[in-house]
Amino acid sequence: MNDTSTHAIWNPDTGITDLEADPHELRASEIPGIKAVWTDQRERLKGTAQLSDFTEKLSREWAIETGVIENLYEIERGVTQTLIEQGFRAELLSHGSTNKPRDYVLRLLHDQKDVLDGVFDFVKSNRSLSASYFKELHAALLRSQDTTDGLDALGRPVRIPLIKGAWKAQANYPVRDGVTYTYCPPEHVSSEMDRLIEMHANHITKNIPTEIQAAWLHHRFTQIHPFQDGNGRVARAIASLVLVKDGLFPLVVTRNDRTMYLDALEAADNGNLKPLIDLIAKLQITQFRKATDISQALLVEEDVHAALGGLLKAADKIAAEKLAALKGVFDLARLIEDDLNSRLSAIKPTVEEALQRVRANATAFVTRSNAQTDHYFRAQIIEIAKKHIDYFADTSEYRSWIALNMRWSRRSKLVFAIHGIGKPFNGSLICAPFLEFGDTDEDGQTRSALVPVAEDGFVFFYNEKGDSLLARFKPWRENALKVALKELTQNL
């Protein structure tokens, strides 16, 4: 018989624990900016078909991915996007596009979407979290799921009946790779859930930042693991509730985020909640980028409506005052540009030395945009935005760039471009880096190739503080540089 070890996710000596003494140190500095800009955009879009469509697609994505994360089913990526765009229709889920019976998957999708729609209704009703609401959520999420994985008396895997909307009656300790993971035993679940709800209410009273509330509640709930099955889905629904209640987006964890998500939960198991908080902030920015597309689609239509009745004239003064406040982000952009200029200048000598080992007369130098050159790289910026990072690049209000130029037998530029995200201007900017390689073919024609060096652009907001912004920016910058240098190494 194989030896097994035990890993306690829930500590029997302490139960779930509250936040540390100064939780504000854990906050994600970008969250207030996301909230401010999205609140303003949502108010402008209120009552429009576009906002309703965005919310509907967001709910569909949440519904699909929350089940994929739990391995309830698999759905091909292309089909996933079609379902998000067109709705949960049977004819869209063809044979082979999922690993489970089509009707069963569709029932699960509808159940999960109904739950998120219910979360929005819960927020509007101004109800408080309660044990009965947790049970209500669980029953709704698992409405179409009648069995779960279990073990028989001989330790063999079997399917067992699923109890819905009630605390677990038996321990649910999964075994992975010879390790048994222990959660709160059934006899302590009720009291631990009461403690969880009480602590969360205290966090609200103390105005703990929303992203910290959501991360803490998600993790401590999973430590308790109060239900027989479906705990992860309930945790993401509850975290979404906390975020939506404060004017943010639901917590959409996709299959692409799965590894980072599980790593963040493991870090929280070991006492470090920060990675989960940062992941929540990262996923908020992902949804924020999608939301900016709505404003762009409505811009022309909105201009016409605003002109009716002379409303534009009456709004000019207010708009000018607001725009002045939003343009504070331009000063923050210059802080980032200064930082990039210093960092690229610092690595330039080593890069140049490496290039000269390939070609003796190789050079490397840093350039920075000015009023005469800030329009450079517009085509490259648009390509990176559309094809790789997925946002609308607006260079009308603000545009700048910092570049590390490299010339040897080839020519290359590492460019960090800063510009608006979405339109009209909303007080947010994005830094989007890319490598451009230029080569001359045998006919004397210059061919260029673009390589993105960051999975996500760095988004920042007008109401951030300079020091916290730079603290958030520098790790992202270093990761982008690491990717760029590896790419350069492979293309010498």
Protein backbone atom coordinates (compact mmCIF):
# COMPACT_ATOMS: atom_id res chain seq x y z
CA MET A 1 0.00 0.00 0.00
CA ASN A 2 1.32 3.47 -0.88
CA ASP A 3 2.25 5.84 1.93
CA THR A 4 0.18 9.00 2.04
CA SER A 5 0.77 12.31 3.77
CA THR A 6 -1.78 14.82 5.01
CA HIS A 7 -1.92 18.52 4.21
CA ALA A 8 -4.33 20.56 6.35
CA ILE A 9 -5.98 23.33 4.33
CA TRP A 10 -8.13 24.19 7.36
CA ASN A 11 -6.23 24.45 10.67
CA PRO A 12 -8.10 22.64 13.48
CA ASP A 13 -6.28 24.69 16.12
CA THR A 14 -7.32 28.11 14.81
CA GLY A 15 -10.10 27.57 12.31
CA ILE A 16 -10.25 30.25 9.62
CA THR A 17 -8.19 33.33 10.45
CA ASP A 18 -8.91 37.00 9.91
CA LEU A 19 -6.82 39.42 7.87
CA GLU A 20 -3.48 40.53 9.23
CA ALA A 21 -3.09 43.75 11.26
CA ASP A 22 -2.71 46.15 8.32
CA PRO A 23 -4.56 44.64 5.35
CA HIS A 24 -4.38 47.91 3.38
CA GLU A 25 -0.78 47.02 2.49
CA LEU A 26 -2.21 44.18 0.40
CA ARG A 27 -4.40 46.39 -1.77
CA ALA A 28 -4.09 46.53 -5.56
CA SER A 29 -3.55 50.17 -6.51
CA GLU A 30 -5.26 49.85 -9.90
CA ILE A 31 -8.66 48.88 -8.48
CA PRO A 32 -9.84 52.43 -7.54
CA GLY A 33 -9.05 53.57 -11.08
CA ILE A 34 -10.95 50.70 -12.68
CA LYS A 35 -13.91 51.39 -10.41
CA ALA A 36 -13.96 55.14 -11.07
CA VAL A 37 -13.70 54.87 -14.85
CA TRP A 38 -16.13 51.95 -15.18
CA THR A 39 -18.68 53.63 -12.88
CA ASP A 40 -18.60 56.70 -15.11
CA GLN A 41 -18.87 54.66 -18.31
CA ARG A 42 -21.65 52.47 -16.94
CA GLU A 43 -23.68 55.54 -15.97
CA ARG A 44 -23.32 56.98 -19.48
CA LEU A 45 -24.30 53.65 -21.01
CA LYS A 46 -27.23 53.04 -18.65
CA GLY A 47 -30.30 51.78 -20.50
CA THR A 48 -28.46 51.08 -23.76
CA ALA A 49 -28.66 47.82 -25.67
CA GLN A 50 -24.87 47.78 -25.79
CA LEU A 51 -24.50 47.67 -22.00
CA SER A 52 -27.15 44.97 -21.75
CA ASP A 53 -25.34 42.95 -24.44
CA PHE A 54 -21.99 43.34 -22.67
CA THR A 55 -23.45 42.17 -19.35
CA GLU A 56 -25.15 39.21 -21.04
CA LYS A 57 -21.91 38.07 -22.72
CA LEU A 58 -20.00 38.54 -19.48
CA SER A 59 -22.50 36.27 -17.69
CA ARG A 60 -22.18 33.64 -20.43
CA GLU A 61 -18.39 33.66 -20.20
CA TRP A 62 -18.52 33.33 -16.42
CA ALA A 63 -20.98 30.45 -16.70
CA ILE A 64 -18.87 28.52 -19.20
CA GLU A 65 -15.49 29.01 -17.57
CA THR A 66 -16.53 28.33 -13.97
CA GLY A 67 -17.42 24.79 -15.05
CA VAL A 68 -14.35 24.31 -17.25
CA ILE A 69 -12.11 25.26 -14.31
CA GLU A 70 -13.72 22.47 -12.24
CA ASN A 71 -13.41 19.89 -15.06
CA LEU A 72 -17.20 19.48 -15.12
CA TYR A 73 -16.95 19.48 -18.90
CA GLU A 74 -14.69 20.57 -21.73
CA ILE A 75 -15.76 22.92 -24.52
CA GLU A 76 -13.55 23.78 -27.49
CA ARG A 77 -12.24 27.34 -27.48
CA GLY A 78 -13.85 28.33 -30.76
CA VAL A 79 -17.20 26.95 -29.65
CA THR A 80 -16.81 28.76 -26.33
CA GLN A 81 -16.53 32.10 -28.13
CA THR A 82 -19.55 31.29 -30.30
CA LEU A 83 -21.63 30.43 -27.22
CA ILE A 84 -20.57 33.69 -25.58
CA GLU A 85 -21.54 35.69 -28.66
CA GLN A 86 -24.76 33.90 -29.63
CA GLY A 87 -26.07 32.27 -26.46
CA PHE A 88 -26.47 28.74 -25.13
CA ARG A 89 -28.20 27.12 -28.11
CA ALA A 90 -28.08 23.37 -28.71
CA GLU A 91 -27.17 23.68 -32.40
CA LEU A 92 -24.00 25.59 -31.48
CA LEU A 93 -22.69 22.74 -29.32
CA SER A 94 -21.94 20.16 -32.00
CA HIS A 95 -20.80 16.57 -31.51
CA GLY A 96 -17.12 16.48 -30.54
CA SER A 97 -16.98 20.06 -29.27
CA THR A 98 -17.58 18.87 -25.69
CA ASN A 99 -16.71 15.72 -23.75
CA LYS A 100 -20.09 15.36 -22.01
CA PRO A 101 -23.67 14.88 -23.30
CA ARG A 102 -24.83 18.09 -24.96
CA ASP A 103 -28.11 18.43 -23.07
CA TYR A 104 -26.35 17.95 -19.73
CA VAL A 105 -23.73 20.60 -20.52
CA LEU A 106 -26.40 23.06 -21.65
CA ARG A 107 -28.35 22.55 -18.41
CA LEU A 108 -25.21 23.24 -16.38
CA LEU A 109 -24.47 26.37 -18.41
CA HIS A 110 -27.98 27.73 -17.90
CA ASP A 111 -27.83 26.94 -14.16
CA GLN A 112 -24.49 28.71 -13.77
CA LYS A 113 -25.57 31.74 -15.77
CA ASP A 114 -28.78 31.98 -13.74
CA VAL A 115 -26.64 32.10 -10.59
CA LEU A 116 -24.58 35.05 -11.80
CA ASP A 117 -27.74 36.83 -12.92
CA GLY A 118 -29.02 36.14 -9.42
CA VAL A 119 -25.87 37.69 -7.95
CA PHE A 120 -26.66 40.94 -9.78
CA ASP A 121 -30.21 40.80 -8.39
CA PHE A 122 -28.87 40.09 -4.89
CA VAL A 123 -26.69 43.20 -5.07
CA LYS A 124 -29.66 45.33 -6.14
CA SER A 125 -31.75 43.99 -3.25
CA ASN A 126 -29.13 45.15 -0.72
CA ARG A 127 -29.35 41.84 1.17
CA SER A 128 -26.53 40.77 3.47
CA LEU A 129 -24.63 37.51 3.20
CA SER A 130 -26.12 34.73 5.29
CA ALA A 131 -25.79 30.97 5.69
CA SER A 132 -29.13 30.54 3.94
CA TYR A 133 -27.88 32.50 0.92
CA PHE A 134 -24.78 30.29 0.63
CA LYS A 135 -27.07 27.26 0.61
CA GLU A 136 -29.40 28.94 -1.89
CA LEU A 137 -26.45 29.59 -4.22
CA HIS A 138 -25.22 26.03 -3.91
CA ALA A 139 -28.62 24.52 -4.72
CA ALA A 140 -28.97 26.79 -7.76
CA LEU A 141 -25.47 26.07 -9.09
CA LEU A 142 -25.88 22.29 -8.76
CA ARG A 143 -29.52 22.14 -9.86
CA SER A 144 -28.75 19.80 -12.79
CA GLN A 145 -25.91 17.86 -11.15
CA ASP A 146 -27.19 14.79 -9.28
CA THR A 147 -23.98 12.91 -8.47
CA THR A 148 -20.38 13.59 -7.52
CA ASP A 149 -17.13 11.61 -7.22
CA GLY A 150 -16.68 9.46 -4.13
CA LEU A 151 -15.03 6.27 -2.87
CA ASP A 152 -16.65 2.98 -1.93
CA ALA A 153 -15.74 0.86 1.13
CA LEU A 154 -12.74 -0.55 -0.74
CA GLY A 155 -11.46 2.88 -1.74
CA ARG A 156 -12.55 2.57 -5.35
CA PRO A 157 -13.84 5.67 -7.18
CA VAL A 158 -17.62 5.71 -7.62
CA ARG A 159 -20.38 8.21 -8.35
CA ILE A 160 -22.47 9.02 -5.27
CA PRO A 161 -25.70 11.01 -4.81
CA LEU A 162 -25.20 14.75 -4.37
CA ILE A 163 -26.81 16.66 -1.51
CA LYS A 164 -27.75 20.17 -2.66
CA GLY A 165 -28.23 23.29 -0.58
CA ALA A 166 -27.08 21.71 2.69
CA TRP A 167 -23.80 21.55 4.58
CA LYS A 168 -21.83 18.37 4.02
CA ALA A 169 -22.64 15.39 6.23
CA GLN A 170 -19.37 13.55 5.61
CA ALA A 171 -15.76 14.64 5.29
CA ASN A 172 -14.65 15.44 1.74
CA TYR A 173 -10.88 15.06 1.76
CA PRO A 174 -9.47 14.67 -1.77
CA VAL A 175 -6.27 12.72 -2.40
CA ARG A 176 -3.87 14.03 -5.07
CA ASP A 177 -0.45 12.55 -5.79
CA GLY A 178 -0.47 10.62 -2.53
CA VAL A 179 -1.37 13.68 -0.42
CA THR A 180 -4.67 13.90 1.48
CA TYR A 181 -5.98 17.47 1.70
CA THR A 182 -8.11 18.05 4.79
CA TYR A 183 -10.77 20.74 5.14
CA CYS A 184 -13.12 21.67 7.94
CA PRO A 185 -14.87 18.53 9.29
CA PRO A 186 -18.69 18.43 9.05
CA GLU A 187 -19.26 18.97 12.77
CA HIS A 188 -17.55 22.40 12.65
CA VAL A 189 -18.91 23.67 9.33
CA SER A 190 -21.92 25.54 10.69
CA SER A 191 -19.93 27.45 13.33
CA GLU A 192 -17.09 28.21 10.90
CA MET A 193 -19.51 29.57 8.32
CA ASP A 194 -21.04 31.79 11.00
CA ARG A 195 -17.54 33.08 11.79
CA LEU A 196 -16.84 33.63 8.07
CA ILE A 197 -20.01 35.72 7.65
CA GLU A 198 -19.32 37.72 10.82
CA MET A 199 -15.71 38.49 9.81
CA HIS A 200 -16.81 39.54 6.33
CA ALA A 201 -19.42 41.90 7.80
CA ASN A 202 -16.65 43.39 9.94
CA HIS A 203 -14.49 43.92 6.83
CA ILE A 204 -17.33 45.88 5.24
CA THR A 205 -17.68 48.03 8.37
CA LYS A 206 -13.93 48.72 8.34
CA ASN A 207 -13.95 49.63 4.61
CA ILE A 208 -11.39 46.97 3.75
CA PRO A 209 -10.54 47.35 0.03
CA THR A 210 -12.92 45.33 -2.11
CA GLU A 211 -10.30 43.17 -3.85
CA ILE A 212 -8.98 42.12 -0.42
CA GLN A 213 -12.49 41.32 0.81
CA ALA A 214 -13.15 39.20 -2.28
CA ALA A 215 -9.84 37.31 -2.06
CA TRP A 216 -10.18 36.67 1.68
CA LEU A 217 -13.80 35.51 1.44
CA HIS A 218 -13.04 33.25 -1.54
CA HIS A 219 -10.07 31.62 0.15
CA ARG A 220 -11.48 31.18 3.65
CA PHE A 221 -14.67 29.71 2.18
CA THR A 222 -12.62 27.13 0.27
CA GLN A 223 -10.69 26.33 3.47
CA ILE A 224 -13.97 25.41 5.13
CA HIS A 225 -15.23 23.52 2.05
CA PRO A 226 -18.74 23.40 3.55
CA PHE A 227 -20.49 21.53 0.74
CA GLN A 228 -20.15 17.99 -0.56
CA ASP A 229 -19.22 19.34 -4.02
CA GLY A 230 -19.32 22.64 -5.91
CA ASN A 231 -17.28 24.65 -3.41
CA GLY A 232 -15.09 26.28 -6.06
CA ARG A 233 -18.09 27.44 -8.06
CA VAL A 234 -19.74 28.90 -4.97
CA ALA A 235 -16.47 30.62 -3.98
CA ARG A 236 -16.19 32.35 -7.36
CA ALA A 237 -19.86 33.37 -7.20
CA ILE A 238 -19.42 34.88 -3.72
CA ALA A 239 -16.22 36.69 -4.73
CA SER A 240 -18.11 38.02 -7.76
CA LEU A 241 -20.87 39.27 -5.48
CA VAL A 242 -18.39 41.27 -3.40
CA LEU A 243 -16.83 42.81 -6.51
CA VAL A 244 -20.12 43.62 -8.26
CA LYS A 245 -21.53 45.17 -5.09
CA ASP A 246 -18.70 47.72 -5.19
CA GLY A 247 -19.20 48.56 -8.86
CA LEU A 248 -16.57 46.19 -10.29
CA PHE A 249 -16.77 43.19 -12.62
CA PRO A 250 -17.54 39.58 -11.64
CA LEU A 251 -14.58 37.27 -11.07
CA VAL A 252 -14.16 35.54 -14.44
CA VAL A 253 -11.42 32.90 -14.12
CA THR A 254 -10.87 31.29 -17.51
CA ARG A 255 -9.05 28.11 -18.46
CA ASN A 256 -6.08 30.31 -19.45
CA ASP A 257 -5.88 31.56 -15.85
CA ARG A 258 -6.19 28.14 -14.22
CA THR A 259 -2.53 27.60 -13.31
CA MET A 260 -2.13 31.11 -11.92
CA TYR A 261 -5.42 30.72 -10.03
CA LEU A 262 -4.45 27.43 -8.40
CA ASP A 263 -1.00 28.78 -7.54
CA ALA A 264 -2.60 31.84 -5.91
CA LEU A 265 -4.92 29.64 -3.84
CA GLU A 266 -1.96 27.50 -2.77
CA ALA A 267 -0.06 30.64 -1.73
CA ALA A 268 -3.11 31.68 0.32
CA ASP A 269 -3.14 28.22 1.94
CA ASN A 270 0.42 29.01 3.04
CA GLY A 271 -0.55 32.38 4.49
CA ASN A 272 0.08 34.71 1.54
CA LEU A 273 -3.14 36.23 0.18
CA LYS A 274 -1.36 38.76 -2.07
CA PRO A 275 -1.11 36.60 -5.24
CA LEU A 276 -4.87 35.99 -5.15
CA ILE A 277 -5.53 39.71 -4.66
CA ASP A 278 -3.24 40.53 -7.59
CA LEU A 279 -4.92 37.92 -9.78
CA ILE A 280 -8.32 39.44 -9.03
CA ALA A 281 -6.94 42.85 -10.06
CA LYS A 282 -5.47 41.37 -13.25
CA LEU A 283 -8.80 39.81 -14.18
CA GLN A 284 -10.59 43.09 -13.46
CA ILE A 285 -8.34 44.82 -16.00
CA THR A 286 -9.15 42.08 -18.54
CA GLN A 287 -12.86 42.84 -18.23
CA PHE A 288 -12.18 46.60 -18.18
CA ARG A 289 -10.46 46.33 -21.58
CA LYS A 290 -13.52 44.57 -22.99
CA ALA A 291 -15.84 47.19 -21.49
CA THR A 292 -14.00 50.05 -23.20
CA ASP A 293 -15.15 48.66 -26.55
CA ILE A 294 -18.77 49.52 -25.68
CA SER A 295 -18.00 53.21 -25.33
CA GLN A 296 -16.17 53.20 -28.66
CA ALA A 297 -19.18 51.61 -30.40
CA LEU A 298 -21.52 54.21 -28.94
CA LEU A 299 -19.33 57.26 -29.51
CA VAL A 300 -20.87 58.49 -32.77
CA GLU A 301 -24.40 57.70 -31.67
CA GLU A 302 -23.79 59.45 -28.35
CA ASP A 303 -22.48 62.59 -30.09
CA VAL A 304 -25.72 62.88 -32.09
CA HIS A 305 -27.92 62.48 -29.04
CA ALA A 306 -25.86 64.93 -27.02
CA ALA A 307 -26.25 67.54 -29.74
CA LEU A 308 -30.04 67.37 -29.54
CA GLY A 309 -31.55 70.26 -27.63
CA GLY A 310 -28.24 72.08 -27.25
CA LEU A 311 -27.05 69.67 -24.56
CA LEU A 312 -23.47 69.83 -25.78
CA LYS A 313 -23.26 73.53 -25.07
CA ALA A 314 -24.66 73.15 -21.57
CA ALA A 315 -22.27 70.29 -20.81
CA ASP A 316 -19.08 71.94 -22.11
CA LYS A 317 -18.02 73.47 -18.81
CA ILE A 318 -18.62 70.32 -16.79
CA ALA A 319 -16.87 68.19 -19.40
CA ALA A 320 -13.83 70.50 -19.45
CA GLU A 321 -13.47 70.35 -15.67
CA LYS A 322 -13.77 66.59 -15.68
CA LEU A 323 -11.31 66.19 -18.56
CA ALA A 324 -8.75 68.26 -16.67
CA ALA A 325 -8.96 65.84 -13.75
CA LEU A 326 -8.71 62.79 -16.01
CA LYS A 327 -5.62 64.20 -17.70
CA GLY A 328 -3.74 63.78 -14.43
CA VAL A 329 -2.91 60.36 -15.86
CA PHE A 330 -0.56 62.12 -18.32
CA ASP A 331 1.72 63.08 -15.43
CA LEU A 332 1.73 59.45 -14.33
CA ALA A 333 2.64 58.43 -17.88
CA ARG A 334 5.71 60.64 -17.70
CA LEU A 335 6.77 58.89 -14.49
CA ILE A 336 6.59 55.58 -16.32
CA GLU A 337 8.47 57.01 -19.30
CA ASP A 338 11.25 58.26 -17.01
CA ASP A 339 11.46 54.84 -15.40
CA LEU A 340 11.63 53.08 -18.77
CA ASN A 341 14.23 55.52 -20.07
CA SER A 342 16.45 54.83 -17.05
CA ARG A 343 15.98 51.05 -17.19
CA LEU A 344 16.61 50.73 -20.92
CA SER A 345 19.66 52.98 -20.63
CA ALA A 346 20.97 50.75 -17.83
CA ILE A 347 20.75 47.54 -19.88
CA LYS A 348 21.90 49.16 -23.15
CA PRO A 349 25.68 48.61 -22.63
CA THR A 350 25.26 44.88 -21.99
CA VAL A 351 22.93 44.48 -24.97
CA GLU A 352 25.39 46.36 -27.18
CA GLU A 353 28.29 44.21 -25.97
CA ALA A 354 26.33 41.05 -26.84
CA LEU A 355 25.50 42.37 -30.32
CA GLN A 356 29.15 43.33 -30.94
CA ARG A 357 30.17 39.75 -30.29
CA VAL A 358 28.02 38.88 -33.29
CA ARG A 359 29.06 41.88 -35.39
CA ALA A 360 31.89 44.21 -34.38
CA ASN A 361 30.24 47.47 -35.46
CA ALA A 362 26.88 46.71 -33.81
CA THR A 363 25.24 49.51 -31.84
CA ALA A 364 22.44 49.96 -29.33
CA PHE A 365 20.88 53.22 -28.20
CA VAL A 366 17.76 54.50 -26.44
CA THR A 367 15.35 57.00 -27.99
CA ARG A 368 12.34 58.75 -26.51
CA SER A 369 9.41 60.36 -28.28
CA ASN A 370 8.86 64.10 -28.46
CA ALA A 371 6.22 66.34 -30.03
CA GLN A 372 7.68 65.72 -33.50
CA THR A 373 8.05 61.94 -33.20
CA ASP A 374 5.27 60.78 -30.88
CA HIS A 375 3.20 59.64 -33.89
CA TYR A 376 5.78 56.96 -34.78
CA PHE A 377 4.76 53.28 -34.51
CA ARG A 378 1.02 53.95 -34.88
CA ALA A 379 0.50 51.02 -37.25
CA GLN A 380 2.47 48.70 -34.97
CA ILE A 381 0.48 49.87 -31.93
CA ILE A 382 -2.82 49.16 -33.67
CA GLU A 383 -1.66 45.70 -34.77
CA ILE A 384 -0.50 44.75 -31.27
CA ALA A 385 -3.74 46.08 -29.76
CA LYS A 386 -6.03 44.23 -32.18
CA LYS A 387 -4.22 40.96 -32.72
CA HIS A 388 -2.43 40.30 -29.44
CA ILE A 389 -3.70 42.23 -26.41
CA ASP A 390 -7.31 42.84 -27.53
CA TYR A 391 -8.20 46.47 -26.89
CA PHE A 392 -8.95 49.67 -28.83
CA ALA A 393 -5.82 51.84 -29.04
CA ASP A 394 -6.57 55.57 -28.91
CA THR A 395 -3.59 57.79 -29.78
CA SER A 396 -5.58 61.03 -30.09
CA GLU A 397 -5.38 62.26 -26.48
CA TYR A 398 -1.97 60.93 -25.48
CA ARG A 399 0.82 59.04 -27.18
CA SER A 400 4.45 58.45 -26.34
CA TRP A 401 7.09 55.78 -26.61
CA ILE A 402 10.51 54.73 -25.36
CA ALA A 403 12.64 52.48 -27.57
CA LEU A 404 15.83 50.47 -27.31
CA ASN A 405 17.23 50.48 -30.86
CA MET A 406 19.60 47.69 -31.91
CA ARG A 407 21.61 47.41 -35.11
CA TRP A 408 23.88 44.54 -36.06
CA SER A 409 23.46 42.26 -39.08
CA ARG A 410 19.77 42.84 -38.38
CA ARG A 411 17.79 45.79 -37.06
CA SER A 412 15.46 45.59 -34.12
CA LYS A 413 13.60 47.88 -31.74
CA LEU A 414 12.15 47.14 -28.34
CA VAL A 415 9.34 49.68 -27.99
CA PHE A 416 7.22 50.54 -24.97
CA ALA A 417 4.27 52.53 -26.36
CA ILE A 418 1.91 54.48 -24.08
CA HIS A 419 -1.53 55.66 -25.25
CA GLY A 420 -5.24 55.65 -24.45
CA ILE A 421 -7.36 52.54 -24.06
CA GLY A 422 -10.88 52.83 -25.43
CA LYS A 423 -12.64 55.92 -26.70
CA PRO A 424 -13.71 58.54 -25.63
CA PHE A 425 -10.81 59.28 -23.29
CA ASN A 426 -11.68 58.01 -19.81
CA GLY A 427 -8.63 58.74 -17.67
CA SER A 428 -6.84 55.46 -18.33
CA LEU A 429 -3.72 54.73 -20.38
CA ILE A 430 -1.97 51.53 -21.38
CA CYS A 431 1.70 50.67 -21.88
CA ALA A 432 2.02 48.08 -24.66
CA PRO A 433 5.51 46.72 -25.47
CA PHE A 434 6.65 44.96 -28.61
CA LEU A 435 9.78 43.92 -30.49
CA GLU A 436 10.10 44.85 -34.14
CA PHE A 437 12.64 43.06 -36.34
CA GLY A 438 13.59 44.57 -39.68
CA ASP A 439 15.46 42.61 -42.36
CA THR A 440 16.38 43.39 -45.96
CA ASP A 441 15.62 40.64 -48.46
CA GLU A 442 17.59 39.81 -51.61
CA ASP A 443 15.52 42.33 -53.60
CA GLY A 444 16.47 45.13 -51.24
CA GLN A 445 13.00 45.25 -49.67
CA THR A 446 12.76 45.74 -45.91
CA ARG A 447 10.58 43.18 -44.17
CA SER A 448 9.47 43.74 -40.61
CA ALA A 449 7.98 41.40 -38.03
CA LEU A 450 6.26 42.32 -34.78
CA VAL A 451 6.60 40.23 -31.64
CA PRO A 452 4.50 41.03 -28.53
CA VAL A 453 6.52 40.73 -25.31
CA ALA A 454 3.68 40.96 -22.77
CA GLU A 455 0.51 38.91 -22.54
CA ASP A 456 -1.34 41.95 -21.19
CA GLY A 457 -0.62 45.64 -21.51
CA PHE A 458 -0.04 47.62 -18.33
CA VAL A 459 -3.17 49.70 -17.66
CA PHE A 460 -3.08 52.64 -15.25
CA PHE A 461 -5.54 55.29 -14.11
CA TYR A 462 -5.78 59.01 -13.37
CA ASN A 463 -6.49 58.54 -9.65
CA GLU A 464 -3.46 56.39 -8.83
CA LYS A 465 -0.57 57.62 -6.67
CA GLY A 466 2.83 57.86 -8.32
CA ASP A 467 4.75 55.74 -5.82
CA SER A 468 2.22 52.90 -5.74
CA LEU A 469 1.92 53.03 -9.53
CA LEU A 470 5.68 52.56 -9.98
CA ALA A 471 5.69 49.76 -7.41
CA ARG A 472 3.05 48.01 -9.51
CA PHE A 473 4.72 48.85 -12.82
CA LYS A 474 8.29 47.70 -12.16
CA PRO A 475 7.62 43.93 -11.81
CA TRP A 476 5.54 44.05 -15.00
CA ARG A 477 8.33 45.97 -16.78
CA GLU A 478 10.96 43.44 -15.69
CA ASN A 479 8.87 40.54 -16.93
CA ALA A 480 8.40 42.25 -20.31
CA LEU A 481 12.17 42.84 -20.54
CA LYS A 482 12.87 39.21 -19.68
CA VAL A 483 10.56 38.02 -22.48
CA ALA A 484 12.07 40.53 -24.93
CA LEU A 485 15.66 39.53 -24.15
CA LYS A 486 14.84 35.83 -24.56
CA GLU A 487 13.24 36.61 -27.91
CA LEU A 488 16.28 38.64 -28.94
CA THR A 489 18.58 35.77 -27.93
CA GLN A 490 16.70 33.44 -30.27
CA ASN A 491 16.91 35.93 -33.16
CA LEU A 492 20.55 37.01 -33.13
